[in-house]
Amino acid sequence: MLTGLAVIQMSIWDDYESRREAYGKTKRDMWLVQTRATERRRMLDSASCREVQINDVDQTVCIVHTAEMDQKKIYSLPGEHLEHGGIVTFADNKWLITEMDADNIIYDKGIMQQCNHVLRWISKDGTLKEKWCYVADGTKYLIGERTRELLTIGDARIAVTVGKDADTIELARGLRFLIDDTDSEAVLAYQITKPNKMFNVFNGKGVFRFILNEVQLTPNDNKELRIADFYNWKPGQELDSDHKDGDYTVAEIVNAATTAASETPDDDKKGWL
């Protein structure tokens, strides 16, 4: 049975252990605790401190301007975290967290890109999906498509960057989308030709980048809702087999076209640039 003195000594030791856990057991741990506390106070007092929503959850962060007006640096408060690939609601706009620094010993920090489009499509189970994304010019990228015709190279390519989640993981080569200004009557249709799901994904979190090539509108597209293949959706429909080839260089495309042209009668040779 413990004596009164022993109980007092244990209580003192427990208090000591609790303080060591709170303030750090080593000098480095103590420095980290003090630095996080100091940075938190400094960030909360900063003019860069903002109240935002990340994936519809309220969060206090610091947002810093960059040289690009449509990109910002974003910092979490010490002890809190950012979601790589998450959507930030800030300044009446949607922003996509496209990059994250793995070194987050004090706080999380990343880059967020202003979104300019809502990607819409019908999933395999018939559900309408909508995702904020960033659409940019994609003419510098190969389309990842080979053809047996004389020469087929799209005259318009775009790059779509979107956050990885349970919905976007299903996006694949051959899927079509209607992407254009919301006020435009002449809506353009695009098709995924080069899916890059390793673009900026680490530890299962991040963003995908898809290269899309302009294709023709069809009567099955709903231009009002901006949904491609709206009227001919079928459950479990297979993708167009013409878009399952791997990526090829321009030289390979030209060589394949030249070979096909030499084997085709002159009357049947058709192609466009």
Protein backbone atom coordinates (compact mmCIF):
# COMPACT_ATOMS: atom_id res chain seq x y z
CA MET A 1 0.00 0.00 0.00
CA LEU A 2 1.39 3.39 -1.01
CA THR A 3 2.14 5.91 1.67
CA GLY A 4 1.01 9.52 1.47
CA LEU A 5 4.53 10.65 0.54
CA ALA A 6 4.73 8.12 -2.31
CA VAL A 7 1.39 9.30 -3.69
CA ILE A 8 2.59 12.92 -3.64
CA GLN A 9 5.85 11.95 -5.38
CA MET A 10 3.95 10.08 -8.11
CA SER A 11 1.65 13.07 -8.62
CA ILE A 12 4.66 15.36 -9.04
CA TRP A 13 6.25 12.93 -11.48
CA ASP A 14 3.02 12.70 -13.50
CA ASP A 15 2.88 16.50 -13.72
CA TYR A 16 6.50 16.56 -14.85
CA GLU A 17 5.82 13.94 -17.55
CA SER A 18 2.73 15.84 -18.73
CA ARG A 19 4.77 19.03 -19.11
CA ARG A 20 7.49 17.19 -21.02
CA GLU A 21 4.86 15.81 -23.40
CA ALA A 22 3.37 19.29 -23.89
CA TYR A 23 6.63 21.24 -24.28
CA GLY A 24 8.91 18.56 -25.73
CA LYS A 25 11.30 16.01 -24.29
CA THR A 26 14.35 17.28 -26.18
CA LYS A 27 15.65 20.72 -27.09
CA ARG A 28 14.54 20.13 -30.67
CA ASP A 29 11.02 19.20 -29.56
CA MET A 30 10.89 22.28 -27.34
CA TRP A 31 12.02 24.45 -30.27
CA LEU A 32 9.32 22.98 -32.51
CA VAL A 33 6.59 23.58 -29.93
CA GLN A 34 7.71 27.16 -29.36
CA THR A 35 8.11 27.86 -33.09
CA ARG A 36 4.65 26.51 -33.91
CA ALA A 37 3.08 28.61 -31.17
CA THR A 38 4.95 31.73 -32.31
CA GLU A 39 4.08 31.15 -35.98
CA ARG A 40 0.43 30.59 -35.14
CA ARG A 41 0.18 33.91 -33.29
CA ARG A 42 2.06 35.69 -36.07
CA MET A 43 -0.13 34.21 -38.81
CA LEU A 44 -3.37 35.03 -37.03
CA ASP A 45 -2.25 38.66 -36.71
CA SER A 46 -1.12 38.84 -40.35
CA ALA A 47 -3.03 40.70 -43.06
CA SER A 48 -2.71 37.52 -45.13
CA CYS A 49 -4.90 35.59 -42.71
CA ARG A 50 -8.18 34.56 -44.36
CA GLU A 51 -11.28 32.61 -43.50
CA VAL A 52 -11.94 30.19 -46.37
CA GLN A 53 -13.63 26.91 -47.06
CA ILE A 54 -11.68 23.86 -48.17
CA ASN A 55 -13.93 21.12 -49.53
CA ASP A 56 -16.86 22.99 -47.93
CA VAL A 57 -15.23 22.97 -44.46
CA ASP A 58 -14.38 26.29 -42.76
CA GLN A 59 -10.66 26.81 -42.17
CA THR A 60 -8.34 29.66 -41.27
CA VAL A 61 -5.33 29.94 -43.57
CA CYS A 62 -2.80 32.46 -44.83
CA ILE A 63 -2.88 33.37 -48.53
CA VAL A 64 0.05 35.13 -50.20
CA HIS A 65 0.16 36.63 -53.69
CA THR A 66 2.52 35.36 -56.40
CA ALA A 67 3.70 36.87 -59.68
CA GLU A 68 0.78 35.12 -61.41
CA MET A 69 -2.57 36.72 -60.63
CA ASP A 70 -4.42 33.41 -60.91
CA GLN A 71 -2.09 31.56 -58.53
CA LYS A 72 -1.65 32.01 -54.77
CA LYS A 73 0.45 30.46 -52.05
CA ILE A 74 -1.60 28.97 -49.24
CA TYR A 75 -0.41 28.14 -45.70
CA SER A 76 -2.24 26.25 -42.99
CA LEU A 77 -1.99 27.24 -39.34
CA PRO A 78 0.48 25.09 -37.36
CA GLY A 79 -1.24 21.91 -36.26
CA GLU A 80 -3.72 22.03 -39.16
CA HIS A 81 -3.52 20.56 -42.64
CA LEU A 82 -4.35 21.32 -46.27
CA GLU A 83 -5.86 18.87 -48.75
CA HIS A 84 -3.75 18.32 -51.87
CA GLY A 85 -6.28 18.45 -54.71
CA GLY A 86 -8.85 20.17 -52.50
CA ILE A 87 -11.11 23.01 -53.64
CA VAL A 88 -10.71 26.32 -51.81
CA THR A 89 -13.51 28.87 -51.77
CA PHE A 90 -11.77 32.24 -51.59
CA ALA A 91 -12.54 35.76 -52.89
CA ASP A 92 -15.79 34.62 -54.56
CA ASN A 93 -13.86 32.08 -56.64
CA LYS A 94 -12.92 28.42 -56.57
CA TRP A 95 -9.24 27.49 -56.34
CA LEU A 96 -7.60 24.10 -56.78
CA ILE A 97 -4.66 23.15 -54.55
CA THR A 98 -2.32 21.84 -57.24
CA GLU A 99 0.97 21.58 -55.35
CA MET A 100 1.99 20.75 -51.79
CA ASP A 101 5.33 20.91 -50.01
CA ALA A 102 6.10 17.58 -48.35
CA ASP A 103 8.17 19.37 -45.68
CA ASN A 104 5.35 20.37 -43.30
CA ILE A 105 7.12 20.23 -39.96
CA ILE A 106 5.79 23.67 -38.96
CA TYR A 107 2.76 24.11 -41.25
CA ASP A 108 1.38 22.89 -44.56
CA LYS A 109 2.13 25.06 -47.58
CA GLY A 110 1.08 24.77 -51.20
CA ILE A 111 0.06 26.48 -54.42
CA MET A 112 -3.55 26.97 -55.46
CA GLN A 113 -4.72 27.68 -59.00
CA GLN A 114 -7.84 29.69 -59.79
CA CYS A 115 -10.45 27.46 -61.45
CA ASN A 116 -12.14 28.59 -64.64
CA HIS A 117 -14.51 25.75 -65.53
CA VAL A 118 -16.93 23.20 -64.09
CA LEU A 119 -16.35 19.83 -65.75
CA ARG A 120 -19.61 17.93 -66.24
CA TRP A 121 -20.18 14.33 -67.25
CA ILE A 122 -22.42 11.35 -66.56
CA SER A 123 -20.79 8.58 -64.55
CA LYS A 124 -21.09 4.85 -65.21
CA ASP A 125 -24.05 4.61 -62.84
CA GLY A 126 -25.89 7.47 -64.54
CA THR A 127 -25.11 10.15 -61.94
CA LEU A 128 -24.34 13.69 -63.05
CA LYS A 129 -20.86 14.71 -61.87
CA GLU A 130 -19.55 18.27 -61.58
CA LYS A 131 -15.97 19.18 -60.68
CA TRP A 132 -14.20 22.52 -60.61
CA CYS A 133 -11.06 22.43 -62.71
CA TYR A 134 -8.47 24.56 -64.50
CA VAL A 135 -8.51 24.56 -68.30
CA ALA A 136 -5.40 25.77 -70.16
CA ASP A 137 -4.03 25.67 -73.68
CA GLY A 138 -2.69 22.23 -74.50
CA THR A 139 -1.22 22.62 -77.97
CA LYS A 140 2.31 21.94 -76.67
CA TYR A 141 1.33 18.43 -75.61
CA LEU A 142 1.16 15.35 -77.83
CA ILE A 143 -2.39 14.06 -78.01
CA GLY A 144 -1.38 10.44 -77.41
CA GLU A 145 -3.30 9.18 -80.42
CA ARG A 146 -2.29 7.21 -83.53
CA THR A 147 -4.35 6.84 -86.67
CA ARG A 148 -4.22 4.80 -89.87
CA GLU A 149 -5.33 7.76 -91.97
CA LEU A 150 -2.88 9.88 -93.93
CA LEU A 151 -2.37 12.38 -91.12
CA THR A 152 -4.70 13.34 -88.27
CA ILE A 153 -3.49 15.97 -85.84
CA GLY A 154 -6.06 17.99 -83.90
CA ASP A 155 -6.15 21.72 -84.48
CA ALA A 156 -7.13 22.48 -80.89
CA ARG A 157 -5.91 20.89 -77.67
CA ILE A 158 -6.56 21.79 -74.07
CA ALA A 159 -5.12 20.63 -70.74
CA VAL A 160 -7.54 20.07 -67.87
CA THR A 161 -6.24 19.90 -64.30
CA VAL A 162 -8.66 18.46 -61.75
CA GLY A 163 -8.39 17.11 -58.22
CA LYS A 164 -8.13 13.37 -57.64
CA ASP A 165 -11.15 11.79 -55.97
CA ALA A 166 -13.49 8.80 -56.30
CA ASP A 167 -15.21 10.39 -59.30
CA THR A 168 -12.29 11.71 -61.33
CA ILE A 169 -10.34 8.45 -60.95
CA GLU A 170 -12.83 6.96 -63.45
CA LEU A 171 -12.01 9.49 -66.19
CA ALA A 172 -10.16 7.76 -69.00
CA ARG A 173 -9.09 7.96 -72.61
CA GLY A 174 -12.01 8.34 -75.03
CA LEU A 175 -14.43 10.23 -72.75
CA ARG A 176 -15.92 13.39 -74.30
CA PHE A 177 -16.76 16.73 -72.70
CA LEU A 178 -18.30 20.03 -73.73
CA ILE A 179 -15.94 22.80 -72.66
CA ASP A 180 -16.43 26.45 -73.55
CA ASP A 181 -17.35 29.83 -72.13
CA THR A 182 -20.68 29.67 -70.31
CA ASP A 183 -22.12 32.43 -72.55
CA SER A 184 -20.90 30.91 -75.81
CA GLU A 185 -23.52 29.49 -78.16
CA ALA A 186 -20.97 27.71 -80.34
CA VAL A 187 -19.97 25.08 -77.78
CA LEU A 188 -16.83 23.04 -78.44
CA ALA A 189 -16.49 19.32 -77.79
CA TYR A 190 -13.28 17.66 -76.61
CA GLN A 191 -12.15 14.09 -76.02
CA ILE A 192 -9.53 12.76 -73.60
CA THR A 193 -6.58 11.47 -75.61
CA LYS A 194 -3.83 11.56 -72.98
CA PRO A 195 -4.81 10.88 -69.35
CA ASN A 196 -2.00 11.62 -66.90
CA LYS A 197 -3.06 10.36 -63.49
CA MET A 198 0.49 10.56 -62.15
CA PHE A 199 0.85 14.26 -62.97
CA ASN A 200 1.01 15.54 -59.40
CA VAL A 201 -0.18 12.75 -57.10
CA PHE A 202 1.72 11.75 -53.97
CA ASN A 203 0.61 9.32 -51.25
CA GLY A 204 -2.75 8.98 -52.95
CA LYS A 205 -3.54 12.71 -52.93
CA GLY A 206 -3.15 15.34 -55.63
CA VAL A 207 -4.34 16.39 -59.07
CA PHE A 208 -4.73 14.76 -62.48
CA ARG A 209 -3.98 16.35 -65.84
CA PHE A 210 -5.85 15.31 -68.96
CA ILE A 211 -4.98 16.36 -72.50
CA LEU A 212 -8.07 16.67 -74.69
CA ASN A 213 -8.35 17.06 -78.44
CA GLU A 214 -11.18 18.94 -80.16
CA VAL A 215 -13.77 16.67 -81.80
CA GLN A 216 -17.10 17.14 -83.54
CA LEU A 217 -20.35 17.82 -81.71
CA THR A 218 -22.97 15.10 -82.06
CA PRO A 219 -26.78 15.12 -81.75
CA ASN A 220 -26.33 13.25 -78.47
CA ASP A 221 -24.58 16.22 -76.82
CA ASN A 222 -26.60 18.53 -74.56
CA LYS A 223 -25.23 21.99 -75.25
CA GLU A 224 -27.52 23.70 -72.72
CA LEU A 225 -26.31 21.55 -69.83
CA ARG A 226 -22.75 21.31 -71.25
CA ILE A 227 -22.82 17.51 -71.04
CA ALA A 228 -21.41 15.36 -73.84
CA ASP A 229 -23.16 12.12 -74.86
CA PHE A 230 -26.12 13.10 -72.69
CA TYR A 231 -28.80 11.45 -74.83
CA ASN A 232 -27.09 8.14 -75.52
CA TRP A 233 -25.79 7.22 -72.08
CA LYS A 234 -25.78 3.49 -71.42
CA PRO A 235 -24.76 1.74 -68.18
CA GLY A 236 -21.30 0.20 -68.39
CA GLN A 237 -20.73 1.47 -71.92
CA GLU A 238 -17.29 0.58 -73.28
CA LEU A 239 -14.94 3.34 -74.37
CA ASP A 240 -14.23 3.98 -78.02
CA SER A 241 -11.58 1.40 -78.91
CA ASP A 242 -9.97 3.87 -81.32
CA HIS A 243 -8.61 5.74 -78.31
CA LYS A 244 -6.85 2.96 -76.42
CA ASP A 245 -3.44 3.23 -78.04
CA GLY A 246 -0.45 4.53 -76.13
CA ASP A 247 1.33 7.83 -76.68
CA TYR A 248 3.32 8.32 -79.85
CA THR A 249 5.76 10.96 -80.98
CA VAL A 250 5.07 13.21 -83.96
CA ALA A 251 7.73 11.30 -85.94
CA GLU A 252 5.93 8.00 -85.26
CA ILE A 253 2.59 9.51 -86.27
CA VAL A 254 4.05 10.86 -89.53
CA ASN A 255 5.83 7.58 -90.32
CA ALA A 256 2.63 5.60 -89.71
CA ALA A 257 0.68 8.02 -91.90
CA THR A 258 3.26 7.81 -94.66
CA THR A 259 3.18 4.02 -94.60
CA ALA A 260 -0.61 3.99 -94.66
CA ALA A 261 -0.63 6.46 -97.56
CA SER A 262 1.74 4.33 -99.65
CA GLU A 263 -0.55 1.34 -99.18
CA THR A 264 -3.74 3.23 -100.06
CA PRO A 265 -4.98 3.83 -103.65
CA ASP A 266 -4.83 7.45 -104.72
CA ASP A 267 -8.62 7.69 -104.94
CA ASP A 268 -9.00 6.72 -101.30
CA LYS A 269 -6.38 9.05 -99.83
CA LYS A 270 -8.00 11.58 -97.51
CA GLY A 271 -6.56 13.59 -94.67
CA TRP A 272 -6.55 16.92 -92.98
CA LEU A 273 -4.13 19.00 -90.98
